[in-house]
C-alpha atoms as a PDB file:
ATOM      1  CA  MET A   1      -0.003  -0.042   0.021  1.00  0.00           C
ATOM      2  CA  SER A   2       1.482   3.292  -0.903  1.00  0.00           C
ATOM      3  CA  VAL A   3       1.242   6.778   0.770  1.00  0.00           C
ATOM      4  CA  ARG A   4      -1.975   8.673   0.336  1.00  0.00           C
ATOM      5  CA  ILE A   5      -1.876  12.503   0.432  1.00  0.00           C
ATOM      6  CA  GLN A   6      -5.005  14.579  -0.231  1.00  0.00           C
ATOM      7  CA  PRO A   7      -4.411  17.412  -2.728  1.00  0.00           C
ATOM      8  CA  SER A   8      -5.609  20.162  -0.209  1.00  0.00           C
ATOM      9  CA  SER A   9      -2.950  19.088   2.420  1.00  0.00           C
ATOM     10  CA  GLN A  10       0.524  20.474   2.638  1.00  0.00           C
ATOM     11  CA  VAL A  11       3.412  18.050   3.055  1.00  0.00           C
ATOM     12  CA  ASP A  12       6.888  19.452   2.934  1.00  0.00           C
ATOM     13  CA  GLU A  13       9.213  17.622   0.425  1.00  0.00           C
ATOM     14  CA  THR A  14      11.710  16.850   3.197  1.00  0.00           C
ATOM     15  CA  ALA A  15       9.119  15.016   5.453  1.00  0.00           C
ATOM     16  CA  GLU A  16       9.382  11.250   5.516  1.00  0.00           C
ATOM     17  CA  LEU A  17       6.112   9.236   5.332  1.00  0.00           C
ATOM     18  CA  GLY A  18       6.016   5.531   5.989  1.00  0.00           C
ATOM     19  CA  GLU A  19       4.225   3.020   3.715  1.00  0.00           C
ATOM     20  CA  GLY A  20       0.447   3.052   4.108  1.00  0.00           C
ATOM     21  CA  THR A  21       0.279   6.426   5.743  1.00  0.00           C
ATOM     22  CA  THR A  22      -2.656   8.771   4.872  1.00  0.00           C
ATOM     23  CA  ILE A  23      -2.643  12.582   5.083  1.00  0.00           C
ATOM     24  CA  TRP A  24      -6.231  14.002   4.896  1.00  0.00           C
ATOM     25  CA  ASP A  25      -7.567  17.367   3.716  1.00  0.00           C
ATOM     26  CA  LEU A  26      -6.047  20.577   5.006  1.00  0.00           C
ATOM     27  CA  ALA A  27      -3.466  18.769   7.117  1.00  0.00           C
ATOM     28  CA  GLN A  28       0.080  20.146   7.317  1.00  0.00           C
ATOM     29  CA  VAL A  29       3.211  18.126   7.782  1.00  0.00           C
ATOM     30  CA  ARG A  30       6.266  20.297   8.075  1.00  0.00           C
ATOM     31  CA  GLU A  31       9.921  19.933   7.132  1.00  0.00           C
ATOM     32  CA  GLU A  32      11.904  16.927   8.215  1.00  0.00           C
ATOM     33  CA  ALA A  33       8.920  15.412  10.168  1.00  0.00           C
ATOM     34  CA  ARG A  34       9.130  11.629  10.144  1.00  0.00           C
ATOM     35  CA  LEU A  35       6.016   9.502  10.258  1.00  0.00           C
ATOM     36  CA  GLY A  36       6.056   5.739  10.385  1.00  0.00           C
ATOM     37  CA  ARG A  37       3.937   3.130   8.643  1.00  0.00           C
ATOM     38  CA  ASP A  38       0.193   3.187   8.580  1.00  0.00           C
ATOM     39  CA  CYS A  39      -0.342   6.533  10.212  1.00  0.00           C
ATOM     40  CA  ILE A  40      -3.379   8.609   9.754  1.00  0.00           C
ATOM     41  CA  VAL A  41      -3.088  12.408   9.897  1.00  0.00           C
ATOM     42  CA  GLY A  42      -6.693  13.864  10.016  1.00  0.00           C
ATOM     43  CA  ARG A  43      -8.220  16.905   8.501  1.00  0.00           C
ATOM     44  CA  GLY A  44      -6.650  20.002   9.592  1.00  0.00           C
ATOM     45  CA  ALA A  45      -4.068  18.412  11.770  1.00  0.00           C
ATOM     46  CA  TYR A  46      -0.568  19.904  12.152  1.00  0.00           C
ATOM     47  CA  VAL A  47       2.795  18.074  12.523  1.00  0.00           C
ATOM     48  CA  GLY A  48       5.614  20.490  13.289  1.00  0.00           C
ATOM     49  CA  PRO A  49       9.239  20.505  11.823  1.00  0.00           C
ATOM     50  CA  GLY A  50      11.290  17.492  12.886  1.00  0.00           C
ATOM     51  CA  VAL A  51       8.471  15.838  14.848  1.00  0.00           C
ATOM     52  CA  ARG A  52       9.024  12.004  15.149  1.00  0.00           C
ATOM     53  CA  ILE A  53       6.003   9.713  14.907  1.00  0.00           C
ATOM     54  CA  GLY A  54       6.060   5.887  15.150  1.00  0.00           C
ATOM     55  CA  ASP A  55       3.926   3.284  13.249  1.00  0.00           C
ATOM     56  CA  ASN A  56       0.123   2.986  13.475  1.00  0.00           C
ATOM     57  CA  VAL A  57      -0.360   6.458  14.925  1.00  0.00           C
ATOM     58  CA  LYS A  58      -3.701   8.332  14.570  1.00  0.00           C
ATOM     59  CA  LEU A  59      -3.870  12.123  14.768  1.00  0.00           C
ATOM     60  CA  GLN A  60      -7.614  13.054  14.647  1.00  0.00           C
ATOM     61  CA  ASN A  61      -8.957  16.207  12.996  1.00  0.00           C
ATOM     62  CA  TYR A  62      -7.295  19.534  14.007  1.00  0.00           C
ATOM     63  CA  ALA A  63      -4.768  17.838  16.446  1.00  0.00           C
ATOM     64  CA  LEU A  64      -1.632  20.042  16.887  1.00  0.00           C
ATOM     65  CA  VAL A  65       1.612  18.432  17.421  1.00  0.00           C
ATOM     66  CA  TYR A  66       4.394  21.013  17.878  1.00  0.00           C
ATOM     67  CA  GLU A  67       8.114  20.296  17.531  1.00  0.00           C
ATOM     68  CA  PRO A  68      10.084  18.574  18.842  1.00  0.00           C
ATOM     69  CA  ALA A  69       7.358  16.197  19.990  1.00  0.00           C
ATOM     70  CA  GLU A  70       7.943  12.348  19.834  1.00  0.00           C
ATOM     71  CA  LEU A  71       5.105   9.898  19.486  1.00  0.00           C
ATOM     72  CA  GLY A  72       5.642   6.146  19.983  1.00  0.00           C
ATOM     73  CA  ASP A  73       3.961   3.394  18.032  1.00  0.00           C
ATOM     74  CA  GLY A  74       0.130   3.039  18.362  1.00  0.00           C
ATOM     75  CA  VAL A  75      -0.361   6.452  19.818  1.00  0.00           C
ATOM     76  CA  PHE A  76      -3.845   8.178  19.501  1.00  0.00           C
ATOM     77  CA  ILE A  77      -4.201  11.978  19.502  1.00  0.00           C
ATOM     78  CA  GLY A  78      -7.770  13.006  19.838  1.00  0.00           C
ATOM     79  CA  PRO A  79      -9.708  15.736  17.929  1.00  0.00           C
ATOM     80  CA  ALA A  80      -8.214  19.245  18.477  1.00  0.00           C
ATOM     81  CA  ALA A  81      -5.667  17.915  21.182  1.00  0.00           C
ATOM     82  CA  VAL A  82      -2.641  20.093  21.476  1.00  0.00           C
ATOM     83  CA  LEU A  83       0.973  19.273  22.370  1.00  0.00           C
ATOM     84  CA  THR A  84       2.763  22.542  23.226  1.00  0.00           C
ATOM     85  CA  ASN A  85       6.417  23.361  23.136  1.00  0.00           C
ATOM     86  CA  ASP A  86       7.186  26.622  24.939  1.00  0.00           C
ATOM     87  CA  PHE A  87       7.544  26.904  28.787  1.00  0.00           C
ATOM     88  CA  TYR A  88       7.356  30.793  28.604  1.00  0.00           C
ATOM     89  CA  PRO A  89       5.205  31.758  25.575  1.00  0.00           C
ATOM     90  CA  ARG A  90       5.436  35.383  24.582  1.00  0.00           C
ATOM     91  CA  ALA A  91       5.068  37.122  21.256  1.00  0.00           C
ATOM     92  CA  VAL A  92       7.638  39.760  22.198  1.00  0.00           C
ATOM     93  CA  ASP A  93      10.696  39.872  24.366  1.00  0.00           C
ATOM     94  CA  PRO A  94      11.000  42.230  27.397  1.00  0.00           C
ATOM     95  CA  ASP A  95      12.097  45.092  25.097  1.00  0.00           C
ATOM     96  CA  GLY A  96       8.971  44.686  22.957  1.00  0.00           C
ATOM     97  CA  ARG A  97      10.781  43.231  19.884  1.00  0.00           C
ATOM     98  CA  GLN A  98       8.904  40.283  18.303  1.00  0.00           C
ATOM     99  CA  LYS A  99      10.406  36.863  19.266  1.00  0.00           C
ATOM    100  CA  ARG A 100      11.922  34.846  16.509  1.00  0.00           C
ATOM    101  CA  GLY A 101      12.877  31.184  16.249  1.00  0.00           C
ATOM    102  CA  GLY A 102      16.256  31.669  17.888  1.00  0.00           C
ATOM    103  CA  ASP A 103      14.787  33.545  20.849  1.00  0.00           C
ATOM    104  CA  TRP A 104      13.485  30.495  22.713  1.00  0.00           C
ATOM    105  CA  GLU A 105      14.124  26.845  23.169  1.00  0.00           C
ATOM    106  CA  ALA A 106      11.387  24.413  22.135  1.00  0.00           C
ATOM    107  CA  ALA A 107      10.614  21.538  24.716  1.00  0.00           C
ATOM    108  CA  GLY A 108       8.750  18.763  23.084  1.00  0.00           C
ATOM    109  CA  VAL A 109       6.051  16.452  24.522  1.00  0.00           C
ATOM    110  CA  ILE A 110       6.905  12.733  24.489  1.00  0.00           C
ATOM    111  CA  VAL A 111       3.990  10.244  24.152  1.00  0.00           C
ATOM    112  CA  ALA A 112       5.016   6.677  24.699  1.00  0.00           C
ATOM    113  CA  GLU A 113       3.726   3.465  22.932  1.00  0.00           C
ATOM    114  CA  GLY A 114       0.012   2.945  22.924  1.00  0.00           C
ATOM    115  CA  ALA A 115      -0.945   6.063  24.923  1.00  0.00           C
ATOM    116  CA  SER A 116      -4.114   8.054  24.080  1.00  0.00           C
ATOM    117  CA  LEU A 117      -4.993  11.733  24.443  1.00  0.00           C
ATOM    118  CA  GLY A 118      -8.642  12.625  24.508  1.00  0.00           C
ATOM    119  CA  ALA A 119     -10.385  15.344  22.468  1.00  0.00           C
ATOM    120  CA  ARG A 120      -9.206  18.838  23.210  1.00  0.00           C
ATOM    121  CA  SER A 121      -6.696  17.840  25.872  1.00  0.00           C
ATOM    122  CA  VAL A 122      -3.592  19.833  26.240  1.00  0.00           C
ATOM    123  CA  CYS A 123      -0.068  18.605  27.092  1.00  0.00           C
ATOM    124  CA  VAL A 124       2.210  21.355  28.398  1.00  0.00           C
ATOM    125  CA  ALA A 125       5.691  21.599  26.997  1.00  0.00           C
ATOM    126  CA  GLY A 126       8.174  18.938  28.245  1.00  0.00           C
ATOM    127  CA  VAL A 127       5.802  16.443  29.797  1.00  0.00           C
ATOM    128  CA  ARG A 128       5.945  12.706  29.153  1.00  0.00           C
ATOM    129  CA  ILE A 129       2.894  10.500  28.689  1.00  0.00           C
ATOM    130  CA  GLY A 130       3.659   6.957  29.770  1.00  0.00           C
ATOM    131  CA  ARG A 131       3.016   3.655  27.908  1.00  0.00           C
ATOM    132  CA  TRP A 132      -0.665   2.855  27.427  1.00  0.00           C
ATOM    133  CA  ALA A 133      -1.765   5.779  29.564  1.00  0.00           C
ATOM    134  CA  LEU A 134      -5.076   7.560  28.775  1.00  0.00           C
ATOM    135  CA  VAL A 135      -5.665  11.280  29.095  1.00  0.00           C
ATOM    136  CA  ALA A 136      -9.270  12.265  29.370  1.00  0.00           C
ATOM    137  CA  ALA A 137     -10.952  14.667  27.052  1.00  0.00           C
ATOM    138  CA  GLY A 138     -10.356  18.288  27.994  1.00  0.00           C
ATOM    139  CA  ALA A 139      -7.594  17.446  30.532  1.00  0.00           C
ATOM    140  CA  VAL A 140      -4.535  19.800  30.886  1.00  0.00           C
ATOM    141  CA  VAL A 141      -1.469  17.704  31.542  1.00  0.00           C
ATOM    142  CA  SER A 142       1.186  19.742  33.304  1.00  0.00           C
ATOM    143  CA  ARG A 143       3.259  16.978  34.765  1.00  0.00           C
ATOM    144  CA  ASP A 144       4.506  13.564  33.656  1.00  0.00           C
ATOM    145  CA  VAL A 145       1.970  10.677  33.419  1.00  0.00           C
ATOM    146  CA  PRO A 146       2.940   7.157  34.546  1.00  0.00           C
ATOM    147  CA  ASP A 147       2.457   4.126  32.341  1.00  0.00           C
ATOM    148  CA  PHE A 148      -1.106   2.832  32.315  1.00  0.00           C
ATOM    149  CA  ALA A 149      -2.439   5.864  34.291  1.00  0.00           C
ATOM    150  CA  LEU A 150      -5.870   7.340  33.668  1.00  0.00           C
ATOM    151  CA  VAL A 151      -5.727  11.040  34.212  1.00  0.00           C
ATOM    152  CA  ALA A 152      -8.413  13.773  34.049  1.00  0.00           C
ATOM    153  CA  GLY A 153      -9.095  17.357  35.057  1.00  0.00           C
ATOM    154  CA  VAL A 154      -7.354  20.727  35.079  1.00  0.00           C
ATOM    155  CA  PRO A 155      -4.702  20.207  36.017  1.00  0.00           C
ATOM    156  CA  ALA A 156      -4.793  16.489  35.202  1.00  0.00           C
ATOM    157  CA  ARG A 157      -4.569  14.041  38.107  1.00  0.00           C
ATOM    158  CA  ARG A 158      -4.598  10.246  38.222  1.00  0.00           C
ATOM    159  CA  ILE A 159      -8.021   8.916  38.827  1.00  0.00           C
ATOM    160  CA  GLY A 160      -7.391   5.283  37.967  1.00  0.00           C
ATOM    161  CA  TRP A 161      -5.464   2.769  35.779  1.00  0.00           C
ATOM    162  CA  VAL A 162      -6.227   1.461  32.326  1.00  0.00           C
ATOM    163  CA  GLY A 163      -4.890  -1.550  30.414  1.00  0.00           C
ATOM    164  CA  ARG A 164      -3.802  -1.945  26.780  1.00  0.00           C
ATOM    165  CA  ALA A 165      -7.571  -2.180  25.775  1.00  0.00           C
ATOM    166  CA  GLY A 166      -8.098   1.307  27.230  1.00  0.00           C
ATOM    167  CA  VAL A 167     -10.685  -0.030  29.664  1.00  0.00           C
ATOM    168  CA  ARG A 168     -10.394   1.019  33.299  1.00  0.00           C
ATOM    169  CA  LEU A 169      -8.740  -1.595  35.400  1.00  0.00           C
ATOM    170  CA  LEU A 170     -10.455  -3.209  38.468  1.00  0.00           C
ATOM    171  CA  GLU A 171      -8.706  -4.143  41.698  1.00  0.00           C
ATOM    172  CA  ARG A 172      -9.002  -7.847  42.285  1.00  0.00           C
ATOM    173  CA  ASP A 173     -11.026  -8.845  45.410  1.00  0.00           C
ATOM    174  CA  GLY A 174      -8.670  -9.985  48.272  1.00  0.00           C
ATOM    175  CA  GLU A 175      -5.512  -8.941  46.319  1.00  0.00           C
ATOM    176  CA  PRO A 176      -4.553  -5.399  47.166  1.00  0.00           C
ATOM    177  CA  GLY A 177      -2.402  -3.840  44.503  1.00  0.00           C
ATOM    178  CA  VAL A 178      -3.358  -6.343  41.869  1.00  0.00           C
ATOM    179  CA  TRP A 179      -5.436  -4.859  38.903  1.00  0.00           C
ATOM    180  CA  GLU A 180      -7.255  -6.733  36.154  1.00  0.00           C
ATOM    181  CA  CYS A 181      -8.569  -5.677  32.807  1.00  0.00           C
ATOM    182  CA  PRO A 182     -12.165  -6.676  32.527  1.00  0.00           C
ATOM    183  CA  ARG A 183     -11.905  -6.984  28.780  1.00  0.00           C
ATOM    184  CA  THR A 184      -8.709  -8.972  28.356  1.00  0.00           C
ATOM    185  CA  GLY A 185      -8.123 -10.455  31.780  1.00  0.00           C
ATOM    186  CA  ALA A 186      -4.586  -9.109  31.779  1.00  0.00           C
ATOM    187  CA  LEU A 187      -3.079  -8.599  35.322  1.00  0.00           C
ATOM    188  CA  HIS A 188      -1.118  -5.610  36.501  1.00  0.00           C
ATOM    189  CA  ASP A 189       0.805  -5.022  39.757  1.00  0.00           C
ATOM    190  CA  GLU A 190       0.755  -1.670  41.528  1.00  0.00           C
ATOM    191  CA  THR A 191       3.931  -0.699  43.470  1.00  0.00           C
ATOM    192  CA  ASP A 192       4.610   2.789  44.884  1.00  0.00           C
ATOM    193  CA  ALA A 193       2.050   4.526  42.534  1.00  0.00           C
ATOM    194  CA  THR A 194       3.325   2.832  39.406  1.00  0.00           C
ATOM    195  CA  LEU A 195       1.837  -0.045  37.476  1.00  0.00           C
ATOM    196  CA  ALA A 196       3.470  -2.897  35.594  1.00  0.00           C
ATOM    197  CA  GLU A 197       1.950  -5.621  33.511  1.00  0.00           C
ATOM    198  CA  ARG A 198       2.449  -9.188  34.607  1.00  0.00           C
ATOM    199  CA  THR A 199       4.321 -11.299  32.171  1.00  0.00           C
END
């Protein structure tokens, strides 16, 4: 399967697109961005210069992924979600001169394998979203999110755990710290506010 690029999108000639990737209407993929295999970039989505995206990633409509973000394999970015990149955003410097590219240092968001960001969520510059974590719609993530964590709110706080299926895990009766996925039956162990899959 070849790459599919809609005519109304803008894909810089230096961007690398993996086999089977689709770029939909009005999306923009900037210079030297690298997308893996079988990705979907939805209508009006933005991928900044040099952004790195793994395989099987979905950017829903109007998602904004600013450089130098890194998205692992199987990541889902919901509609109108934003990954920011500036700790101290200003249009001008203290003297009133318009800031340019060299006047600040971009800090990218890292989204690890399998994680999902809900619609209109915002990830503040420099945070890391752990493997298979789930960020609720409308949440504002201002600190790192552990693997398998379910976070919600403004600012986002952990309200539970999720498994690979994205379903909220349930604590097993009589086994404190042991969590089970009601869909797959997979077991996870909680230790010191972190969760690990049983192998």
